[in-house]
C-alpha atoms as a PDB file:
ATOM      1  CA  MET A   1      -0.040   0.023   0.113  1.00  0.00           C
ATOM      2  CA  GLU A   2       1.676   3.342  -1.091  1.00  0.00           C
ATOM      3  CA  LEU A   3       1.171   6.175   1.037  1.00  0.00           C
ATOM      4  CA  ASN A   4      -0.527   9.194  -0.366  1.00  0.00           C
ATOM      5  CA  PRO A   5      -1.911  12.698   0.649  1.00  0.00           C
ATOM      6  CA  ARG A   6      -5.512  11.335   1.508  1.00  0.00           C
ATOM      7  CA  LYS A   7      -3.879   8.212   3.798  1.00  0.00           C
ATOM      8  CA  LEU A   8      -1.520  10.394   5.568  1.00  0.00           C
ATOM      9  CA  ASN A   9      -4.311  13.038   6.337  1.00  0.00           C
ATOM     10  CA  ALA A  10      -6.472   9.918   7.883  1.00  0.00           C
ATOM     11  CA  PHE A  11      -3.474   9.062   9.808  1.00  0.00           C
ATOM     12  CA  LEU A  12      -3.214  12.631  11.122  1.00  0.00           C
ATOM     13  CA  MET A  13      -6.630  12.477  12.103  1.00  0.00           C
ATOM     14  CA  MET A  14      -6.533   9.357  14.057  1.00  0.00           C
ATOM     15  CA  LYS A  15      -2.940   9.322  15.319  1.00  0.00           C
ATOM     16  CA  LEU A  16      -2.015  13.221  15.461  1.00  0.00           C
ATOM     17  CA  PRO A  17      -5.049  14.857  16.198  1.00  0.00           C
ATOM     18  CA  SER A  18      -3.401  18.037  17.624  1.00  0.00           C
ATOM     19  CA  ALA A  19      -1.753  18.757  14.141  1.00  0.00           C
ATOM     20  CA  TRP A  20      -5.189  17.751  12.353  1.00  0.00           C
ATOM     21  CA  LEU A  21      -7.134  20.172  14.527  1.00  0.00           C
ATOM     22  CA  CYS A  22      -4.443  22.838  13.886  1.00  0.00           C
ATOM     23  CA  GLY A  23      -4.939  22.464  10.181  1.00  0.00           C
ATOM     24  CA  VAL A  24      -1.570  20.682   8.801  1.00  0.00           C
ATOM     25  CA  ARG A  25      -2.379  18.626   5.954  1.00  0.00           C
ATOM     26  CA  VAL A  26      -0.219  16.675   3.347  1.00  0.00           C
ATOM     27  CA  LYS A  27      -0.484  18.088  -0.332  1.00  0.00           C
ATOM     28  CA  LYS A  28       1.988  15.879  -2.120  1.00  0.00           C
ATOM     29  CA  ILE A  29       4.303  13.248  -1.537  1.00  0.00           C
ATOM     30  CA  ASP A  30       6.428  11.164  -3.675  1.00  0.00           C
ATOM     31  CA  GLU A  31       9.754   9.178  -3.563  1.00  0.00           C
ATOM     32  CA  ALA A  32      11.866  12.419  -3.273  1.00  0.00           C
ATOM     33  CA  THR A  33       9.679  15.190  -2.131  1.00  0.00           C
ATOM     34  CA  CYS A  34       6.924  16.061   0.455  1.00  0.00           C
ATOM     35  CA  VAL A  35       4.758  19.096   0.609  1.00  0.00           C
ATOM     36  CA  THR A  36       2.480  20.009   3.730  1.00  0.00           C
ATOM     37  CA  SER A  37       0.378  23.028   4.598  1.00  0.00           C
ATOM     38  CA  VAL A  38      -1.285  24.827   7.297  1.00  0.00           C
ATOM     39  CA  LYS A  39      -3.260  28.063   7.239  1.00  0.00           C
ATOM     40  CA  HIS A  40      -3.001  30.711   9.678  1.00  0.00           C
ATOM     41  CA  LYS A  41      -6.286  30.740  11.877  1.00  0.00           C
ATOM     42  CA  TRP A  42      -7.609  31.582  15.205  1.00  0.00           C
ATOM     43  CA  ILE A  43      -6.855  28.005  16.453  1.00  0.00           C
ATOM     44  CA  ASN A  44      -3.247  28.053  15.689  1.00  0.00           C
ATOM     45  CA  GLN A  45      -1.994  31.627  16.305  1.00  0.00           C
ATOM     46  CA  ASN A  46       0.338  33.020  18.764  1.00  0.00           C
ATOM     47  CA  PRO A  47      -0.405  36.464  20.755  1.00  0.00           C
ATOM     48  CA  PHE A  48       1.468  38.306  17.689  1.00  0.00           C
ATOM     49  CA  ASN A  49      -1.501  37.462  15.301  1.00  0.00           C
ATOM     50  CA  SER A  50       0.756  34.882  13.105  1.00  0.00           C
ATOM     51  CA  LEU A  51       1.027  31.163  13.062  1.00  0.00           C
ATOM     52  CA  TYR A  52       2.577  29.749  16.315  1.00  0.00           C
ATOM     53  CA  PHE A  53       5.891  28.022  16.058  1.00  0.00           C
ATOM     54  CA  ALA A  54       4.959  24.410  17.229  1.00  0.00           C
ATOM     55  CA  VAL A  55       2.144  24.521  14.596  1.00  0.00           C
ATOM     56  CA  GLN A  56       5.006  25.322  12.027  1.00  0.00           C
ATOM     57  CA  ALA A  57       7.354  22.548  13.448  1.00  0.00           C
ATOM     58  CA  MET A  58       4.089  20.032  13.269  1.00  0.00           C
ATOM     59  CA  ALA A  59       3.757  20.693   9.408  1.00  0.00           C
ATOM     60  CA  ALA A  60       7.565  20.807   8.836  1.00  0.00           C
ATOM     61  CA  GLU A  61       8.321  17.468  10.731  1.00  0.00           C
ATOM     62  CA  LEU A  62       5.282  16.093   8.786  1.00  0.00           C
ATOM     63  CA  SER A  63       6.997  16.906   5.464  1.00  0.00           C
ATOM     64  CA  THR A  64      10.176  14.868   6.597  1.00  0.00           C
ATOM     65  CA  GLY A  65       8.333  12.056   8.561  1.00  0.00           C
ATOM     66  CA  ALA A  66       5.882  11.273   5.735  1.00  0.00           C
ATOM     67  CA  LEU A  67       8.946  10.572   3.550  1.00  0.00           C
ATOM     68  CA  VAL A  68      10.538   8.202   5.964  1.00  0.00           C
ATOM     69  CA  MET A  69       7.138   6.429   6.792  1.00  0.00           C
ATOM     70  CA  SER A  70       7.048   5.780   3.024  1.00  0.00           C
ATOM     71  CA  ARG A  71      10.307   4.509   2.522  1.00  0.00           C
ATOM     72  CA  ILE A  72      10.141   2.309   5.690  1.00  0.00           C
ATOM     73  CA  GLN A  73       6.795   0.897   4.284  1.00  0.00           C
ATOM     74  CA  GLN A  74       8.363   0.031   0.841  1.00  0.00           C
ATOM     75  CA  SER A  75      11.265  -1.592   2.607  1.00  0.00           C
ATOM     76  CA  GLU A  76       8.586  -3.966   4.007  1.00  0.00           C
ATOM     77  CA  GLU A  77      10.731  -4.355   7.245  1.00  0.00           C
ATOM     78  CA  LYS A  78       9.996  -3.568  10.653  1.00  0.00           C
ATOM     79  CA  ILE A  79      11.902  -0.420  11.316  1.00  0.00           C
ATOM     80  CA  SER A  80      11.451   2.192  13.958  1.00  0.00           C
ATOM     81  CA  MET A  81      11.729   5.791  13.496  1.00  0.00           C
ATOM     82  CA  LEU A  82      12.193   8.788  16.089  1.00  0.00           C
ATOM     83  CA  VAL A  83      13.143  12.458  15.853  1.00  0.00           C
ATOM     84  CA  ALA A  84      16.356  12.855  17.830  1.00  0.00           C
ATOM     85  CA  GLN A  85      16.727  16.722  17.402  1.00  0.00           C
ATOM     86  CA  ASN A  86      15.767  19.617  15.696  1.00  0.00           C
ATOM     87  CA  LYS A  87      16.849  23.079  14.672  1.00  0.00           C
ATOM     88  CA  ALA A  88      14.632  25.885  13.358  1.00  0.00           C
ATOM     89  CA  ALA A  89      15.266  29.583  12.002  1.00  0.00           C
ATOM     90  CA  PHE A  90      12.349  31.951  11.712  1.00  0.00           C
ATOM     91  CA  THR A  91      12.983  34.614   9.008  1.00  0.00           C
ATOM     92  CA  LYS A  92       9.330  36.380   8.534  1.00  0.00           C
ATOM     93  CA  LYS A  93       5.775  36.451  10.166  1.00  0.00           C
ATOM     94  CA  ALA A  94       3.774  33.617   9.153  1.00  0.00           C
ATOM     95  CA  THR A  95       0.474  34.430   8.159  1.00  0.00           C
ATOM     96  CA  GLY A  96      -1.892  33.218   5.502  1.00  0.00           C
ATOM     97  CA  LYS A  97      -1.276  29.691   3.974  1.00  0.00           C
ATOM     98  CA  ILE A  98       2.218  28.449   4.618  1.00  0.00           C
ATOM     99  CA  LYS A  99       3.571  25.496   2.721  1.00  0.00           C
ATOM    100  CA  PHE A 100       6.548  23.318   3.902  1.00  0.00           C
ATOM    101  CA  TYR A 101       8.697  21.638   1.216  1.00  0.00           C
ATOM    102  CA  CYS A 102      11.167  18.745   1.868  1.00  0.00           C
ATOM    103  CA  TYR A 103      13.193  17.491  -0.885  1.00  0.00           C
ATOM    104  CA  ASP A 104      15.253  15.134   0.932  1.00  0.00           C
ATOM    105  CA  GLY A 105      13.895  11.639   0.376  1.00  0.00           C
ATOM    106  CA  HIS A 106      17.022  10.541  -1.309  1.00  0.00           C
ATOM    107  CA  LYS A 107      18.780  10.476   2.072  1.00  0.00           C
ATOM    108  CA  ILE A 108      16.345   7.657   3.480  1.00  0.00           C
ATOM    109  CA  ALA A 109      17.304   4.649   1.523  1.00  0.00           C
ATOM    110  CA  GLU A 110      21.041   4.355   2.214  1.00  0.00           C
ATOM    111  CA  ALA A 111      20.233   4.612   5.848  1.00  0.00           C
ATOM    112  CA  ILE A 112      17.604   1.940   5.673  1.00  0.00           C
ATOM    113  CA  GLU A 113      20.137  -0.479   4.075  1.00  0.00           C
ATOM    114  CA  LYS A 114      22.643   0.140   6.603  1.00  0.00           C
ATOM    115  CA  THR A 115      20.361  -0.588   9.443  1.00  0.00           C
ATOM    116  CA  LEU A 116      19.092  -3.507   8.018  1.00  0.00           C
ATOM    117  CA  GLU A 117      22.743  -4.927   7.281  1.00  0.00           C
ATOM    118  CA  THR A 118      24.257  -3.956  10.607  1.00  0.00           C
ATOM    119  CA  GLY A 119      21.235  -4.088  12.910  1.00  0.00           C
ATOM    120  CA  GLU A 120      22.621  -0.525  14.260  1.00  0.00           C
ATOM    121  CA  GLY A 121      20.657   2.452  14.344  1.00  0.00           C
ATOM    122  CA  GLN A 122      21.105   5.337  11.670  1.00  0.00           C
ATOM    123  CA  THR A 123      20.846   8.942  11.726  1.00  0.00           C
ATOM    124  CA  PHE A 124      20.370  11.380   9.063  1.00  0.00           C
ATOM    125  CA  TRP A 125      19.202  15.144   8.808  1.00  0.00           C
ATOM    126  CA  MET A 126      16.254  16.197   6.647  1.00  0.00           C
ATOM    127  CA  LYS A 127      15.638  19.892   5.980  1.00  0.00           C
ATOM    128  CA  SER A 128      12.079  21.690   5.540  1.00  0.00           C
ATOM    129  CA  THR A 129      11.406  25.080   4.242  1.00  0.00           C
ATOM    130  CA  GLY A 130       8.253  26.885   4.871  1.00  0.00           C
ATOM    131  CA  LEU A 131       7.085  29.343   2.390  1.00  0.00           C
ATOM    132  CA  ASN A 132       4.083  31.851   2.263  1.00  0.00           C
ATOM    133  CA  GLU A 133       1.799  32.448  -0.447  1.00  0.00           C
ATOM    134  CA  THR A 134       4.068  35.037  -2.389  1.00  0.00           C
ATOM    135  CA  GLY A 135       6.849  32.377  -2.008  1.00  0.00           C
ATOM    136  CA  GLU A 136       8.735  34.157   0.650  1.00  0.00           C
ATOM    137  CA  GLU A 137      10.619  31.862   3.197  1.00  0.00           C
ATOM    138  CA  VAL A 138       9.034  32.152   6.702  1.00  0.00           C
ATOM    139  CA  SER A 139      11.110  29.416   8.358  1.00  0.00           C
ATOM    140  CA  THR A 140      13.322  26.555   8.057  1.00  0.00           C
ATOM    141  CA  PHE A 141      13.322  23.384  10.033  1.00  0.00           C
ATOM    142  CA  GLU A 142      16.129  20.548  10.344  1.00  0.00           C
ATOM    143  CA  PHE A 143      15.116  17.227  11.726  1.00  0.00           C
ATOM    144  CA  GLU A 144      17.795  14.517  12.647  1.00  0.00           C
ATOM    145  CA  TRP A 145      15.649  11.477  12.280  1.00  0.00           C
ATOM    146  CA  THR A 146      16.955   7.999  13.838  1.00  0.00           C
ATOM    147  CA  ILE A 147      15.848   4.793  12.440  1.00  0.00           C
ATOM    148  CA  LYS A 148      16.624   1.278  13.623  1.00  0.00           C
ATOM    149  CA  ALA A 149      15.652  -2.168  12.084  1.00  0.00           C
ATOM    150  CA  LYS A 150      13.853  -4.172  14.863  1.00  0.00           C
ATOM    151  CA  THR A 151      15.463  -7.395  13.566  1.00  0.00           C
ATOM    152  CA  LYS A 152      18.745  -7.901  11.453  1.00  0.00           C
ATOM    153  CA  ARG A 153      18.592  -8.961   8.009  1.00  0.00           C
ATOM    154  CA  LYS A 154      20.047 -12.508   7.636  1.00  0.00           C
END
């Protein structure tokens, strides 16, 4: 079963309801790219009338994590995944609809192969950039993902 925006958005509603209620949605996913979006609304705003940083982080993390989930699913192996750390930079007030773009899907396959061969955990960084409706960057997030095979390949 291939992951697509509809399945991922249903997953959000069931497993990450806070992201769903704040309006985070997957718009596009393929092997290399994932695009998520969130619109500034009353429920997800900060006191400065812009998108709360944690809501931006949810949308950005989803753009990277959906790619990791997809590759793990394609491998048909039991592999755990977890964010180890993250970094963020905010460059402009986030208002209106913000889209987060991750183009780092190519980084995952090698890490999956290594964890399956060695049984050891692997880490890799993925970047997500948030752009407003006029294409201006509002924030950049980097997430260090850790993956580990639950059983070593024989």
